[in-house]
Amino acid sequence: MTDGTSSVPSGSGDATANNQKPMMESADPNWASLCRGGRIWIGGHNSKARFALENRLRGAVRPLVGELEAAFLTPESMDEAVYFAQKLRPRLAPSGILWIAHQAVAGKDDSDKAWMDAGWIIAKGWVPFGEWALEEGLQLSAFRPVSA
């Protein structure tokens, strides 16, 4: 489009309609609101996670420039997550949220829990605040930028 935006066709974004329950109430992606014209970015090299998010977020606006309400990363590695997190930070609105999609954690002692507990994201100015089950085998971890 000439205004620097693209839109995905409208679809159902209601998490409860798809039997998805939040793992932490404060980390609700608010799918319905984002699908009614929310300004988002989706990117990364994990094609399974990216496909799941693109289907879930039909109807959201995906601008090439300007502030974002939410950024959804689908990295294949922690290095990829760090790279995109730093690139996206200036584009997030003050209340914006960075969501990182990754393999679901089987148990509390699972090493993949590093996505939420990783010191790298805190050192780079992000605060973890919750998780959400995206679909079987995939989970979203939510982060907010540290206030300036």
C-alpha atoms as a PDB file:
ATOM      1  CA  MET A   1       0.000   0.000   0.000  1.00  0.00           C
ATOM      2  CA  THR A   2       1.124   3.556  -0.592  1.00  0.00           C
ATOM      3  CA  ASP A   3       0.720   4.624   3.052  1.00  0.00           C
ATOM      4  CA  GLY A   4       3.379   2.135   4.202  1.00  0.00           C
ATOM      5  CA  THR A   5       0.946  -0.371   5.691  1.00  0.00           C
ATOM      6  CA  SER A   6      -0.348  -3.764   4.808  1.00  0.00           C
ATOM      7  CA  SER A   7      -3.312  -5.562   6.269  1.00  0.00           C
ATOM      8  CA  VAL A   8      -4.053  -9.232   6.690  1.00  0.00           C
ATOM      9  CA  PRO A   9      -7.670 -10.264   5.941  1.00  0.00           C
ATOM     10  CA  SER A  10     -10.022 -10.210   8.913  1.00  0.00           C
ATOM     11  CA  GLY A  11     -10.496 -13.385  10.909  1.00  0.00           C
ATOM     12  CA  SER A  12     -11.252 -14.676  14.374  1.00  0.00           C
ATOM     13  CA  GLY A  13      -8.747 -13.521  16.940  1.00  0.00           C
ATOM     14  CA  ASP A  14     -10.605 -14.559  20.054  1.00  0.00           C
ATOM     15  CA  ALA A  15      -8.285 -16.704  22.177  1.00  0.00           C
ATOM     16  CA  THR A  16     -11.141 -18.213  24.184  1.00  0.00           C
ATOM     17  CA  ALA A  17     -12.935 -19.317  21.011  1.00  0.00           C
ATOM     18  CA  ASN A  18      -9.899 -21.466  20.255  1.00  0.00           C
ATOM     19  CA  ASN A  19      -9.712 -22.898  23.799  1.00  0.00           C
ATOM     20  CA  GLN A  20      -6.527 -20.948  24.569  1.00  0.00           C
ATOM     21  CA  LYS A  21      -6.138 -19.981  28.202  1.00  0.00           C
ATOM     22  CA  PRO A  22      -3.616 -17.466  29.522  1.00  0.00           C
ATOM     23  CA  MET A  23      -0.778 -18.858  31.580  1.00  0.00           C
ATOM     24  CA  MET A  24      -0.659 -15.524  33.444  1.00  0.00           C
ATOM     25  CA  GLU A  25      -3.600 -13.120  33.294  1.00  0.00           C
ATOM     26  CA  SER A  26      -1.344 -10.054  32.849  1.00  0.00           C
ATOM     27  CA  ALA A  27       0.152 -11.495  29.659  1.00  0.00           C
ATOM     28  CA  ASP A  28      -3.013 -11.683  27.541  1.00  0.00           C
ATOM     29  CA  PRO A  29      -2.115 -10.730  23.937  1.00  0.00           C
ATOM     30  CA  ASN A  30      -5.652  -9.293  23.505  1.00  0.00           C
ATOM     31  CA  TRP A  31      -6.023 -10.978  20.131  1.00  0.00           C
ATOM     32  CA  ALA A  32      -9.437  -9.467  19.375  1.00  0.00           C
ATOM     33  CA  SER A  33      -8.212  -5.906  19.840  1.00  0.00           C
ATOM     34  CA  LEU A  34      -5.067  -6.456  17.785  1.00  0.00           C
ATOM     35  CA  CYS A  35      -7.110  -8.049  14.981  1.00  0.00           C
ATOM     36  CA  ARG A  36      -9.323  -4.967  14.736  1.00  0.00           C
ATOM     37  CA  GLY A  37      -6.609  -2.770  13.259  1.00  0.00           C
ATOM     38  CA  GLY A  38      -3.881  -3.087  15.890  1.00  0.00           C
ATOM     39  CA  ARG A  39      -0.424  -2.004  14.686  1.00  0.00           C
ATOM     40  CA  ILE A  40       1.856  -5.031  14.879  1.00  0.00           C
ATOM     41  CA  TRP A  41       5.053  -6.536  13.477  1.00  0.00           C
ATOM     42  CA  ILE A  42       5.641 -10.274  12.983  1.00  0.00           C
ATOM     43  CA  GLY A  43       9.031 -11.602  11.973  1.00  0.00           C
ATOM     44  CA  GLY A  44      11.673 -14.225  12.504  1.00  0.00           C
ATOM     45  CA  HIS A  45      12.854 -17.477  10.971  1.00  0.00           C
ATOM     46  CA  ASN A  46      10.753 -20.038  12.887  1.00  0.00           C
ATOM     47  CA  SER A  47       8.176 -20.688  10.169  1.00  0.00           C
ATOM     48  CA  LYS A  48       5.821 -22.807  12.347  1.00  0.00           C
ATOM     49  CA  ALA A  49       5.505 -20.059  14.966  1.00  0.00           C
ATOM     50  CA  ARG A  50       5.257 -17.329  12.364  1.00  0.00           C
ATOM     51  CA  PHE A  51       2.459 -19.149  10.509  1.00  0.00           C
ATOM     52  CA  ALA A  52       0.528 -19.642  13.783  1.00  0.00           C
ATOM     53  CA  LEU A  53       0.838 -15.948  14.636  1.00  0.00           C
ATOM     54  CA  GLU A  54      -0.071 -14.728  11.163  1.00  0.00           C
ATOM     55  CA  ASN A  55      -3.218 -16.866  11.235  1.00  0.00           C
ATOM     56  CA  ARG A  56      -4.112 -15.663  14.733  1.00  0.00           C
ATOM     57  CA  LEU A  57      -3.524 -11.995  13.901  1.00  0.00           C
ATOM     58  CA  ARG A  58      -5.559 -11.628  10.718  1.00  0.00           C
ATOM     59  CA  GLY A  59      -6.961  -8.138  10.460  1.00  0.00           C
ATOM     60  CA  ALA A  60      -4.069  -6.429  12.209  1.00  0.00           C
ATOM     61  CA  VAL A  61      -2.239  -3.623  10.432  1.00  0.00           C
ATOM     62  CA  ARG A  62       1.419  -4.327   9.682  1.00  0.00           C
ATOM     63  CA  PRO A  63       2.975  -0.884   9.057  1.00  0.00           C
ATOM     64  CA  LEU A  64       6.403  -0.463   7.502  1.00  0.00           C
ATOM     65  CA  VAL A  65       7.068   2.622   9.653  1.00  0.00           C
ATOM     66  CA  GLY A  66       5.705   4.159  12.847  1.00  0.00           C
ATOM     67  CA  GLU A  67       4.828   2.971  16.339  1.00  0.00           C
ATOM     68  CA  LEU A  68       3.733  -0.565  17.086  1.00  0.00           C
ATOM     69  CA  GLU A  69       1.351  -1.853  19.752  1.00  0.00           C
ATOM     70  CA  ALA A  70       3.003  -5.258  19.683  1.00  0.00           C
ATOM     71  CA  ALA A  71       5.952  -6.990  18.054  1.00  0.00           C
ATOM     72  CA  PHE A  72       5.932 -10.773  17.687  1.00  0.00           C
ATOM     73  CA  LEU A  73       9.302 -12.488  17.212  1.00  0.00           C
ATOM     74  CA  THR A  74       9.594 -16.027  15.910  1.00  0.00           C
ATOM     75  CA  PRO A  75      13.335 -16.666  16.290  1.00  0.00           C
ATOM     76  CA  GLU A  76      15.167 -19.920  15.786  1.00  0.00           C
ATOM     77  CA  SER A  77      17.897 -18.891  18.231  1.00  0.00           C
ATOM     78  CA  MET A  78      18.551 -16.615  21.191  1.00  0.00           C
ATOM     79  CA  ASP A  79      20.932 -14.571  18.989  1.00  0.00           C
ATOM     80  CA  GLU A  80      18.129 -13.922  16.515  1.00  0.00           C
ATOM     81  CA  ALA A  81      15.829 -12.874  19.370  1.00  0.00           C
ATOM     82  CA  VAL A  82      18.427 -10.419  20.728  1.00  0.00           C
ATOM     83  CA  TYR A  83      19.001  -8.923  17.278  1.00  0.00           C
ATOM     84  CA  PHE A  84      15.311  -8.311  16.533  1.00  0.00           C
ATOM     85  CA  ALA A  85      14.498  -7.167  20.087  1.00  0.00           C
ATOM     86  CA  GLN A  86      17.060  -4.374  19.790  1.00  0.00           C
ATOM     87  CA  LYS A  87      15.901  -3.394  16.280  1.00  0.00           C
ATOM     88  CA  LEU A  88      12.240  -3.243  17.323  1.00  0.00           C
ATOM     89  CA  ARG A  89      12.593  -1.403  20.616  1.00  0.00           C
ATOM     90  CA  PRO A  90      12.494   2.112  19.084  1.00  0.00           C
ATOM     91  CA  ARG A  91       9.299   1.256  17.189  1.00  0.00           C
ATOM     92  CA  LEU A  92       7.283   0.034  20.178  1.00  0.00           C
ATOM     93  CA  ALA A  93       4.782   2.461  21.665  1.00  0.00           C
ATOM     94  CA  PRO A  94       5.447   3.286  25.356  1.00  0.00           C
ATOM     95  CA  SER A  95       2.858   0.650  26.306  1.00  0.00           C
ATOM     96  CA  GLY A  96       3.978  -1.738  23.550  1.00  0.00           C
ATOM     97  CA  ILE A  97       4.813  -5.382  24.181  1.00  0.00           C
ATOM     98  CA  LEU A  98       7.460  -7.631  22.681  1.00  0.00           C
ATOM     99  CA  TRP A  99       6.273 -11.235  22.354  1.00  0.00           C
ATOM    100  CA  ILE A 100       8.801 -13.997  21.679  1.00  0.00           C
ATOM    101  CA  ALA A 101       7.424 -17.282  20.348  1.00  0.00           C
ATOM    102  CA  HIS A 102       9.355 -20.404  21.330  1.00  0.00           C
ATOM    103  CA  GLN A 103       8.921 -24.090  22.120  1.00  0.00           C
ATOM    104  CA  ALA A 104       6.612 -24.621  25.094  1.00  0.00           C
ATOM    105  CA  VAL A 105       8.284 -25.436  28.374  1.00  0.00           C
ATOM    106  CA  ALA A 106       7.543 -28.995  29.522  1.00  0.00           C
ATOM    107  CA  GLY A 107       8.318 -28.387  33.186  1.00  0.00           C
ATOM    108  CA  LYS A 108       9.621 -25.717  35.525  1.00  0.00           C
ATOM    109  CA  ASP A 109      13.145 -27.138  35.414  1.00  0.00           C
ATOM    110  CA  ASP A 110      13.286 -27.231  31.601  1.00  0.00           C
ATOM    111  CA  SER A 111      16.308 -25.392  30.180  1.00  0.00           C
ATOM    112  CA  ASP A 112      14.125 -23.682  27.559  1.00  0.00           C
ATOM    113  CA  LYS A 113      12.804 -21.529  30.419  1.00  0.00           C
ATOM    114  CA  ALA A 114      15.845 -19.370  29.607  1.00  0.00           C
ATOM    115  CA  TRP A 115      13.593 -17.358  27.272  1.00  0.00           C
ATOM    116  CA  MET A 116      11.922 -15.755  30.291  1.00  0.00           C
ATOM    117  CA  ASP A 117      14.784 -15.867  32.762  1.00  0.00           C
ATOM    118  CA  ALA A 118      17.586 -14.835  30.417  1.00  0.00           C
ATOM    119  CA  GLY A 119      19.753 -12.029  31.719  1.00  0.00           C
ATOM    120  CA  TRP A 120      20.350 -10.820  28.155  1.00  0.00           C
ATOM    121  CA  ILE A 121      16.892  -9.381  27.798  1.00  0.00           C
ATOM    122  CA  ILE A 122      17.063  -7.535  31.120  1.00  0.00           C
ATOM    123  CA  ALA A 123      20.538  -6.237  30.263  1.00  0.00           C
ATOM    124  CA  LYS A 124      19.178  -4.941  26.950  1.00  0.00           C
ATOM    125  CA  GLY A 125      16.394  -2.995  28.672  1.00  0.00           C
ATOM    126  CA  TRP A 126      13.454  -5.427  28.722  1.00  0.00           C
ATOM    127  CA  VAL A 127      11.371  -6.708  31.632  1.00  0.00           C
ATOM    128  CA  PRO A 128       9.704 -10.151  31.375  1.00  0.00           C
ATOM    129  CA  PHE A 129       6.126 -10.192  32.652  1.00  0.00           C
ATOM    130  CA  GLY A 130       4.255 -13.248  31.481  1.00  0.00           C
ATOM    131  CA  GLU A 131       3.621 -16.159  29.160  1.00  0.00           C
ATOM    132  CA  TRP A 132       0.818 -17.403  26.938  1.00  0.00           C
ATOM    133  CA  ALA A 133       0.183 -20.757  25.269  1.00  0.00           C
ATOM    134  CA  LEU A 134      -0.016 -20.048  21.532  1.00  0.00           C
ATOM    135  CA  GLU A 135      -0.776 -23.558  20.288  1.00  0.00           C
ATOM    136  CA  GLU A 136       0.374 -27.068  21.107  1.00  0.00           C
ATOM    137  CA  GLY A 137       4.155 -26.994  21.442  1.00  0.00           C
ATOM    138  CA  LEU A 138       4.452 -23.205  21.128  1.00  0.00           C
ATOM    139  CA  GLN A 139       4.474 -20.541  23.791  1.00  0.00           C
ATOM    140  CA  LEU A 140       4.765 -16.744  23.816  1.00  0.00           C
ATOM    141  CA  SER A 141       6.865 -14.935  26.406  1.00  0.00           C
ATOM    142  CA  ALA A 142       6.024 -11.264  26.939  1.00  0.00           C
ATOM    143  CA  PHE A 143       8.462  -8.411  27.598  1.00  0.00           C
ATOM    144  CA  ARG A 144       8.051  -4.683  28.132  1.00  0.00           C
ATOM    145  CA  PRO A 145      10.745  -2.051  27.617  1.00  0.00           C
ATOM    146  CA  VAL A 146      12.201  -0.615  30.811  1.00  0.00           C
ATOM    147  CA  SER A 147      10.868   2.925  31.274  1.00  0.00           C
ATOM    148  CA  ALA A 148      13.380   5.640  30.464  1.00  0.00           C
END
